[in-house]
Amino acid sequence: MSSLIAFLPIRKGSQRVVKKNVRDFANIEGGLTFIKLKQLISSKKIDKIIVSTDDEKAIKIAKAFNSNKITIFVRPKHLATSSTLTDELINYVPSVIKDGIVLWTHVTSPFVDGAIYDDAISKYLDNLDSFDSLMSVTKIQKFLWNNHNALNYDRAKEKWPRTQTIEPLFEVNSGLFIADIDIYRKLKDRIGKKPMLYKINEIQAFDIDWGEDFDIAEAIWSRYGKI
């Protein structure tokens, strides 16, 4: 089987939450970076972890694990700005990962742990006959509108249906993406043309983007966190 390589991008200059990737989180030194590396190392199916960062503290945290699973690549400056596009970073991945299956994940998803990674990898490998990639999603089965109309139910038939009868939609979250490196090269994407939707719940999918997210995640961690 091809090697399973985790790609972990960690950018230094967070604007909305100062030093969110490396500051202490829930009294854990090294914060979200330490937690994520611990989770990835605990995975039984991940062979290698590529840390792509311009953050000296993240590098220090990664080196402290002294793990032969971890390889650090200093991110080029032009790919480490607040204006860097995800598409640009996707196009960079084949320069640091030559062969294998890529699992892209983020430190800002602290409730996606090693067991979830292993389950997602198993689902991906078991379903390659039907799907060419996998991405984590969260099911939304609520009343959704754009500026003018309901999006996921027909008000001409029923104005307020039971939510459990509404056709679900799926939000792509930041939990994980799995695809062969050839997809990155050929499609310039981290998913293929037929991705499997890997469903995780709202707590598992919780993403830290704003200051209040950081505070909420610390409170949730006391009950649900795992490293």
C-alpha atoms as a PDB file:
ATOM      1  CA  MET A   1       0.000   0.000   0.000  1.00  0.00           C
ATOM      2  CA  SER A   2       1.117   3.570  -0.642  1.00  0.00           C
ATOM      3  CA  SER A   3       2.461   5.521   2.317  1.00  0.00           C
ATOM      4  CA  LEU A   4      -0.078   7.612   4.224  1.00  0.00           C
ATOM      5  CA  ILE A   5       1.353  11.072   4.768  1.00  0.00           C
ATOM      6  CA  ALA A   6      -0.282  13.759   6.897  1.00  0.00           C
ATOM      7  CA  PHE A   7       0.187  17.315   5.652  1.00  0.00           C
ATOM      8  CA  LEU A   8      -0.129  19.840   8.482  1.00  0.00           C
ATOM      9  CA  PRO A   9       0.051  23.529   7.484  1.00  0.00           C
ATOM     10  CA  ILE A  10       0.789  25.921  10.370  1.00  0.00           C
ATOM     11  CA  ARG A  11       1.061  29.607   9.527  1.00  0.00           C
ATOM     12  CA  LYS A  12       2.642  32.036  11.983  1.00  0.00           C
ATOM     13  CA  GLY A  13       0.703  35.260  11.596  1.00  0.00           C
ATOM     14  CA  SER A  14      -2.851  34.614  12.755  1.00  0.00           C
ATOM     15  CA  GLN A  15      -4.698  37.932  12.600  1.00  0.00           C
ATOM     16  CA  ARG A  16      -7.973  37.062  14.347  1.00  0.00           C
ATOM     17  CA  VAL A  17      -6.512  35.071  17.269  1.00  0.00           C
ATOM     18  CA  VAL A  18      -2.960  36.078  18.212  1.00  0.00           C
ATOM     19  CA  LYS A  19      -0.577  33.084  18.207  1.00  0.00           C
ATOM     20  CA  LYS A  20      -3.572  30.720  18.231  1.00  0.00           C
ATOM     21  CA  ASN A  21      -1.581  27.767  16.889  1.00  0.00           C
ATOM     22  CA  VAL A  22       1.135  27.749  19.556  1.00  0.00           C
ATOM     23  CA  ARG A  23      -0.162  29.555  22.637  1.00  0.00           C
ATOM     24  CA  ASP A  24      -1.232  27.447  25.619  1.00  0.00           C
ATOM     25  CA  PHE A  25      -4.627  25.822  25.125  1.00  0.00           C
ATOM     26  CA  ALA A  26      -6.611  24.392  28.061  1.00  0.00           C
ATOM     27  CA  ASN A  27      -3.392  24.592  30.129  1.00  0.00           C
ATOM     28  CA  ILE A  28      -1.543  22.469  27.568  1.00  0.00           C
ATOM     29  CA  GLU A  29       1.888  23.866  26.716  1.00  0.00           C
ATOM     30  CA  GLY A  30       2.374  24.069  22.974  1.00  0.00           C
ATOM     31  CA  GLY A  31      -1.365  24.411  22.536  1.00  0.00           C
ATOM     32  CA  LEU A  32      -3.094  23.355  19.344  1.00  0.00           C
ATOM     33  CA  THR A  33       0.150  22.406  17.585  1.00  0.00           C
ATOM     34  CA  PHE A  34       1.180  20.047  20.386  1.00  0.00           C
ATOM     35  CA  ILE A  35      -2.310  18.510  20.529  1.00  0.00           C
ATOM     36  CA  LYS A  36      -2.517  17.907  16.784  1.00  0.00           C
ATOM     37  CA  LEU A  37       0.945  16.386  16.500  1.00  0.00           C
ATOM     38  CA  LYS A  38       0.171  14.107  19.445  1.00  0.00           C
ATOM     39  CA  GLN A  39      -3.056  12.998  17.740  1.00  0.00           C
ATOM     40  CA  LEU A  40      -1.345  12.375  14.407  1.00  0.00           C
ATOM     41  CA  ILE A  41       1.494  10.420  16.008  1.00  0.00           C
ATOM     42  CA  SER A  42      -1.065   8.266  17.854  1.00  0.00           C
ATOM     43  CA  SER A  43      -2.640   7.223  14.536  1.00  0.00           C
ATOM     44  CA  LYS A  44      -1.884   3.614  13.642  1.00  0.00           C
ATOM     45  CA  LYS A  45      -2.313   4.263   9.915  1.00  0.00           C
ATOM     46  CA  ILE A  46      -0.346   7.488   9.351  1.00  0.00           C
ATOM     47  CA  ASP A  47       3.238   6.746   8.308  1.00  0.00           C
ATOM     48  CA  LYS A  48       4.658  10.255   8.122  1.00  0.00           C
ATOM     49  CA  ILE A  49       3.753  13.801   9.166  1.00  0.00           C
ATOM     50  CA  ILE A  50       4.842  16.798   7.104  1.00  0.00           C
ATOM     51  CA  VAL A  51       4.780  20.029   9.111  1.00  0.00           C
ATOM     52  CA  SER A  52       4.711  23.014   6.761  1.00  0.00           C
ATOM     53  CA  THR A  53       5.307  26.191   8.741  1.00  0.00           C
ATOM     54  CA  ASP A  54       7.030  29.547   9.001  1.00  0.00           C
ATOM     55  CA  ASP A  55       6.547  29.633  12.791  1.00  0.00           C
ATOM     56  CA  GLU A  56       9.718  29.152  14.836  1.00  0.00           C
ATOM     57  CA  LYS A  57       7.739  28.100  17.910  1.00  0.00           C
ATOM     58  CA  ALA A  58       5.780  25.494  15.941  1.00  0.00           C
ATOM     59  CA  ILE A  59       9.107  24.127  14.697  1.00  0.00           C
ATOM     60  CA  LYS A  60      10.384  23.943  18.276  1.00  0.00           C
ATOM     61  CA  ILE A  61       7.230  22.123  19.415  1.00  0.00           C
ATOM     62  CA  ALA A  62       7.491  19.638  16.541  1.00  0.00           C
ATOM     63  CA  LYS A  63      11.193  18.951  17.148  1.00  0.00           C
ATOM     64  CA  ALA A  64      10.545  18.322  20.861  1.00  0.00           C
ATOM     65  CA  PHE A  65       8.573  15.190  19.967  1.00  0.00           C
ATOM     66  CA  ASN A  66      11.798  13.682  18.614  1.00  0.00           C
ATOM     67  CA  SER A  67       9.617  11.490  16.389  1.00  0.00           C
ATOM     68  CA  ASN A  68      10.895   9.867  13.216  1.00  0.00           C
ATOM     69  CA  LYS A  69       7.368  10.312  11.840  1.00  0.00           C
ATOM     70  CA  ILE A  70       7.735  14.113  11.723  1.00  0.00           C
ATOM     71  CA  THR A  71       9.480  16.022   8.934  1.00  0.00           C
ATOM     72  CA  ILE A  72       9.540  19.829   9.003  1.00  0.00           C
ATOM     73  CA  PHE A  73       9.539  22.003   5.889  1.00  0.00           C
ATOM     74  CA  VAL A  74       9.982  25.736   6.366  1.00  0.00           C
ATOM     75  CA  ARG A  75       7.173  27.337   4.361  1.00  0.00           C
ATOM     76  CA  PRO A  76       8.311  29.771   1.633  1.00  0.00           C
ATOM     77  CA  LYS A  77       7.503  33.357   2.583  1.00  0.00           C
ATOM     78  CA  HIS A  78       5.206  33.939  -0.371  1.00  0.00           C
ATOM     79  CA  LEU A  79       3.026  31.043   0.883  1.00  0.00           C
ATOM     80  CA  ALA A  80       2.907  32.262   4.471  1.00  0.00           C
ATOM     81  CA  THR A  81       0.963  35.516   4.205  1.00  0.00           C
ATOM     82  CA  SER A  82      -2.616  36.304   5.171  1.00  0.00           C
ATOM     83  CA  SER A  83      -3.416  36.683   1.474  1.00  0.00           C
ATOM     84  CA  THR A  84      -2.050  33.262   0.472  1.00  0.00           C
ATOM     85  CA  LEU A  85      -4.775  31.266  -1.256  1.00  0.00           C
ATOM     86  CA  THR A  86      -5.533  27.680  -0.287  1.00  0.00           C
ATOM     87  CA  ASP A  87      -5.186  26.812  -3.977  1.00  0.00           C
ATOM     88  CA  GLU A  88      -1.595  28.106  -3.903  1.00  0.00           C
ATOM     89  CA  LEU A  89      -0.768  25.912  -0.918  1.00  0.00           C
ATOM     90  CA  ILE A  90      -2.387  22.903  -2.603  1.00  0.00           C
ATOM     91  CA  ASN A  91      -0.141  23.449  -5.626  1.00  0.00           C
ATOM     92  CA  TYR A  92       2.872  23.522  -3.266  1.00  0.00           C
ATOM     93  CA  VAL A  93       2.164  20.108  -1.697  1.00  0.00           C
ATOM     94  CA  PRO A  94       3.654  17.976  -4.532  1.00  0.00           C
ATOM     95  CA  SER A  95       6.984  19.753  -4.029  1.00  0.00           C
ATOM     96  CA  VAL A  96       7.281  18.290  -0.508  1.00  0.00           C
ATOM     97  CA  ILE A  97       5.338  15.041  -0.996  1.00  0.00           C
ATOM     98  CA  LYS A  98       6.476  13.075  -4.043  1.00  0.00           C
ATOM     99  CA  ASP A  99       4.517   9.839  -3.609  1.00  0.00           C
ATOM    100  CA  GLY A 100       1.743   8.419  -1.464  1.00  0.00           C
ATOM    101  CA  ILE A 101      -1.669   9.272  -0.074  1.00  0.00           C
ATOM    102  CA  VAL A 102      -2.041  12.711   1.504  1.00  0.00           C
ATOM    103  CA  LEU A 103      -4.176  13.404   4.567  1.00  0.00           C
ATOM    104  CA  TRP A 104      -4.524  17.196   4.870  1.00  0.00           C
ATOM    105  CA  THR A 105      -5.578  18.401   8.307  1.00  0.00           C
ATOM    106  CA  HIS A 106      -5.361  21.452  10.589  1.00  0.00           C
ATOM    107  CA  VAL A 107      -4.294  22.215  14.142  1.00  0.00           C
ATOM    108  CA  THR A 108      -7.458  24.295  14.492  1.00  0.00           C
ATOM    109  CA  SER A 109      -9.550  21.101  14.564  1.00  0.00           C
ATOM    110  CA  PRO A 110      -8.503  19.752  17.979  1.00  0.00           C
ATOM    111  CA  PHE A 111     -11.446  17.339  18.302  1.00  0.00           C
ATOM    112  CA  VAL A 112     -10.438  15.318  15.245  1.00  0.00           C
ATOM    113  CA  ASP A 113      -8.252  12.770  17.030  1.00  0.00           C
ATOM    114  CA  GLY A 114      -6.180   9.747  16.093  1.00  0.00           C
ATOM    115  CA  ALA A 115      -9.135   7.358  16.164  1.00  0.00           C
ATOM    116  CA  ILE A 116     -11.056   9.553  13.699  1.00  0.00           C
ATOM    117  CA  TYR A 117      -8.054   9.736  11.368  1.00  0.00           C
ATOM    118  CA  ASP A 118      -7.711   5.950  11.415  1.00  0.00           C
ATOM    119  CA  ASP A 119     -11.407   5.408  10.761  1.00  0.00           C
ATOM    120  CA  ALA A 120     -11.425   7.912   7.889  1.00  0.00           C
ATOM    121  CA  ILE A 121      -8.341   6.313   6.330  1.00  0.00           C
ATOM    122  CA  SER A 122      -9.977   2.873   6.551  1.00  0.00           C
ATOM    123  CA  LYS A 123     -13.156   4.211   4.919  1.00  0.00           C
ATOM    124  CA  TYR A 124     -11.106   5.812   2.142  1.00  0.00           C
ATOM    125  CA  LEU A 125      -9.120   2.647   1.428  1.00  0.00           C
ATOM    126  CA  ASP A 126     -12.191   0.403   1.583  1.00  0.00           C
ATOM    127  CA  ASN A 127     -14.146   2.502  -0.914  1.00  0.00           C
ATOM    128  CA  LEU A 128     -11.632   3.296  -3.649  1.00  0.00           C
ATOM    129  CA  ASP A 129     -13.752   1.354  -6.122  1.00  0.00           C
ATOM    130  CA  SER A 130     -16.523   3.942  -5.688  1.00  0.00           C
ATOM    131  CA  PHE A 131     -14.716   7.161  -4.656  1.00  0.00           C
ATOM    132  CA  ASP A 132     -11.372   8.741  -5.514  1.00  0.00           C
ATOM    133  CA  SER A 133     -10.915  10.824  -2.351  1.00  0.00           C
ATOM    134  CA  LEU A 134     -12.503  11.703   0.987  1.00  0.00           C
ATOM    135  CA  MET A 135     -13.383  14.862   2.884  1.00  0.00           C
ATOM    136  CA  SER A 136     -14.960  15.395   6.291  1.00  0.00           C
ATOM    137  CA  VAL A 137     -18.360  17.074   6.376  1.00  0.00           C
ATOM    138  CA  THR A 138     -21.019  18.018   8.895  1.00  0.00           C
ATOM    139  CA  LYS A 139     -24.651  17.274   8.134  1.00  0.00           C
ATOM    140  CA  ILE A 140     -26.989  20.272   8.159  1.00  0.00           C
ATOM    141  CA  GLN A 141     -30.679  19.467   8.427  1.00  0.00           C
ATOM    142  CA  LYS A 142     -32.153  22.845   9.262  1.00  0.00           C
ATOM    143  CA  PHE A 143     -34.175  25.590   7.550  1.00  0.00           C
ATOM    144  CA  LEU A 144     -31.682  27.144   5.129  1.00  0.00           C
ATOM    145  CA  TRP A 145     -32.379  30.222   3.009  1.00  0.00           C
ATOM    146  CA  ASN A 146     -30.491  32.503   0.666  1.00  0.00           C
ATOM    147  CA  ASN A 147     -31.608  36.161   0.508  1.00  0.00           C
ATOM    148  CA  HIS A 148     -34.856  35.228  -1.202  1.00  0.00           C
ATOM    149  CA  ASN A 149     -35.897  31.594  -0.902  1.00  0.00           C
ATOM    150  CA  ALA A 150     -35.637  28.376   1.051  1.00  0.00           C
ATOM    151  CA  LEU A 151     -32.780  26.253  -0.280  1.00  0.00           C
ATOM    152  CA  ASN A 152     -33.445  22.763   1.011  1.00  0.00           C
ATOM    153  CA  TYR A 153     -37.231  22.442   1.212  1.00  0.00           C
ATOM    154  CA  ASP A 154     -40.236  23.395  -0.913  1.00  0.00           C
ATOM    155  CA  ARG A 155     -42.510  25.942   0.788  1.00  0.00           C
ATOM    156  CA  ALA A 156     -45.133  25.412  -1.916  1.00  0.00           C
ATOM    157  CA  LYS A 157     -45.605  21.906  -0.548  1.00  0.00           C
ATOM    158  CA  GLU A 158     -45.091  22.548   3.152  1.00  0.00           C
ATOM    159  CA  LYS A 159     -44.166  25.856   4.743  1.00  0.00           C
ATOM    160  CA  TRP A 160     -42.621  24.449   7.915  1.00  0.00           C
ATOM    161  CA  PRO A 161     -41.795  20.741   7.545  1.00  0.00           C
ATOM    162  CA  ARG A 162     -40.304  18.697  10.340  1.00  0.00           C
ATOM    163  CA  THR A 163     -36.537  19.188  10.245  1.00  0.00           C
ATOM    164  CA  GLN A 164     -35.949  15.437  10.115  1.00  0.00           C
ATOM    165  CA  THR A 165     -37.805  15.284   6.783  1.00  0.00           C
ATOM    166  CA  ILE A 166     -35.747  18.081   5.204  1.00  0.00           C
ATOM    167  CA  GLU A 167     -33.205  16.886   2.675  1.00  0.00           C
ATOM    168  CA  PRO A 168     -29.821  17.288   4.387  1.00  0.00           C
ATOM    169  CA  LEU A 169     -26.986  19.399   3.046  1.00  0.00           C
ATOM    170  CA  PHE A 170     -23.355  18.892   4.028  1.00  0.00           C
ATOM    171  CA  GLU A 171     -20.885  21.554   5.151  1.00  0.00           C
ATOM    172  CA  VAL A 172     -17.263  20.906   4.293  1.00  0.00           C
ATOM    173  CA  ASN A 173     -15.362  21.419   7.549  1.00  0.00           C
ATOM    174  CA  SER A 174     -11.633  21.721   8.233  1.00  0.00           C
ATOM    175  CA  GLY A 175     -11.258  18.268   9.755  1.00  0.00           C
ATOM    176  CA  LEU A 176      -9.504  16.284   7.036  1.00  0.00           C
ATOM    177  CA  PHE A 177      -9.094  15.635   3.324  1.00  0.00           C
ATOM    178  CA  ILE A 178      -7.617  12.436   1.855  1.00  0.00           C
ATOM    179  CA  ALA A 179      -6.411  12.021  -1.721  1.00  0.00           C
ATOM    180  CA  ASP A 180      -3.516  10.480  -3.611  1.00  0.00           C
ATOM    181  CA  ILE A 181      -0.741  12.915  -4.447  1.00  0.00           C
ATOM    182  CA  ASP A 182      -1.486  12.300  -8.140  1.00  0.00           C
ATOM    183  CA  ILE A 183      -4.780  14.169  -7.661  1.00  0.00           C
ATOM    184  CA  TYR A 184      -2.839  17.180  -6.364  1.00  0.00           C
ATOM    185  CA  ARG A 185      -0.675  17.070  -9.485  1.00  0.00           C
ATOM    186  CA  LYS A 186      -3.334  16.390 -12.086  1.00  0.00           C
ATOM    187  CA  LEU A 187      -6.346  18.281 -10.712  1.00  0.00           C
ATOM    188  CA  LYS A 188      -4.523  20.857  -8.556  1.00  0.00           C
ATOM    189  CA  ASP A 189      -6.928  20.016  -5.757  1.00  0.00           C
ATOM    190  CA  ARG A 190      -6.987  18.187  -2.406  1.00  0.00           C
ATOM    191  CA  ILE A 191     -10.050  16.166  -3.445  1.00  0.00           C
ATOM    192  CA  GLY A 192     -10.807  14.292  -6.640  1.00  0.00           C
ATOM    193  CA  LYS A 193     -13.821  14.340  -8.904  1.00  0.00           C
ATOM    194  CA  LYS A 194     -15.790  11.915  -6.727  1.00  0.00           C
ATOM    195  CA  PRO A 195     -15.036  12.464  -3.031  1.00  0.00           C
ATOM    196  CA  MET A 196     -16.561  10.352  -0.293  1.00  0.00           C
ATOM    197  CA  LEU A 197     -18.359  12.481   2.320  1.00  0.00           C
ATOM    198  CA  TYR A 198     -17.069  11.422   5.723  1.00  0.00           C
ATOM    199  CA  LYS A 199     -19.543  12.635   8.323  1.00  0.00           C
ATOM    200  CA  ILE A 200     -18.392  13.882  11.712  1.00  0.00           C
ATOM    201  CA  ASN A 201     -20.499  15.589  14.351  1.00  0.00           C
ATOM    202  CA  GLU A 202     -20.501  19.286  15.233  1.00  0.00           C
ATOM    203  CA  ILE A 203     -18.173  18.898  18.221  1.00  0.00           C
ATOM    204  CA  GLN A 204     -15.651  16.844  16.257  1.00  0.00           C
ATOM    205  CA  ALA A 205     -15.845  19.390  13.428  1.00  0.00           C
ATOM    206  CA  PHE A 206     -15.423  22.435  15.685  1.00  0.00           C
ATOM    207  CA  ASP A 207     -12.918  24.792  14.052  1.00  0.00           C
ATOM    208  CA  ILE A 208     -11.077  27.574  15.848  1.00  0.00           C
ATOM    209  CA  ASP A 209     -11.169  30.675  13.684  1.00  0.00           C
ATOM    210  CA  TRP A 210     -12.127  33.569  15.992  1.00  0.00           C
ATOM    211  CA  GLY A 211     -11.235  34.554  19.549  1.00  0.00           C
ATOM    212  CA  GLU A 212     -14.529  33.304  20.938  1.00  0.00           C
ATOM    213  CA  ASP A 213     -13.967  29.974  19.168  1.00  0.00           C
ATOM    214  CA  PHE A 214     -10.733  29.555  21.112  1.00  0.00           C
ATOM    215  CA  ASP A 215     -12.531  30.158  24.417  1.00  0.00           C
ATOM    216  CA  ILE A 216     -15.413  27.832  23.530  1.00  0.00           C
ATOM    217  CA  ALA A 217     -13.021  25.102  22.388  1.00  0.00           C
ATOM    218  CA  GLU A 218     -11.130  25.267  25.689  1.00  0.00           C
ATOM    219  CA  ALA A 219     -14.420  24.728  27.541  1.00  0.00           C
ATOM    220  CA  ILE A 220     -15.379  21.814  25.264  1.00  0.00           C
ATOM    221  CA  TRP A 221     -11.920  20.280  25.626  1.00  0.00           C
ATOM    222  CA  SER A 222     -12.413  19.630  29.339  1.00  0.00           C
ATOM    223  CA  ARG A 223     -15.106  17.079  28.426  1.00  0.00           C
ATOM    224  CA  TYR A 224     -14.342  15.837  24.919  1.00  0.00           C
ATOM    225  CA  GLY A 225     -10.639  16.441  24.288  1.00  0.00           C
ATOM    226  CA  LYS A 226      -8.350  13.482  23.509  1.00  0.00           C
ATOM    227  CA  ILE A 227      -4.609  13.258  22.949  1.00  0.00           C
END
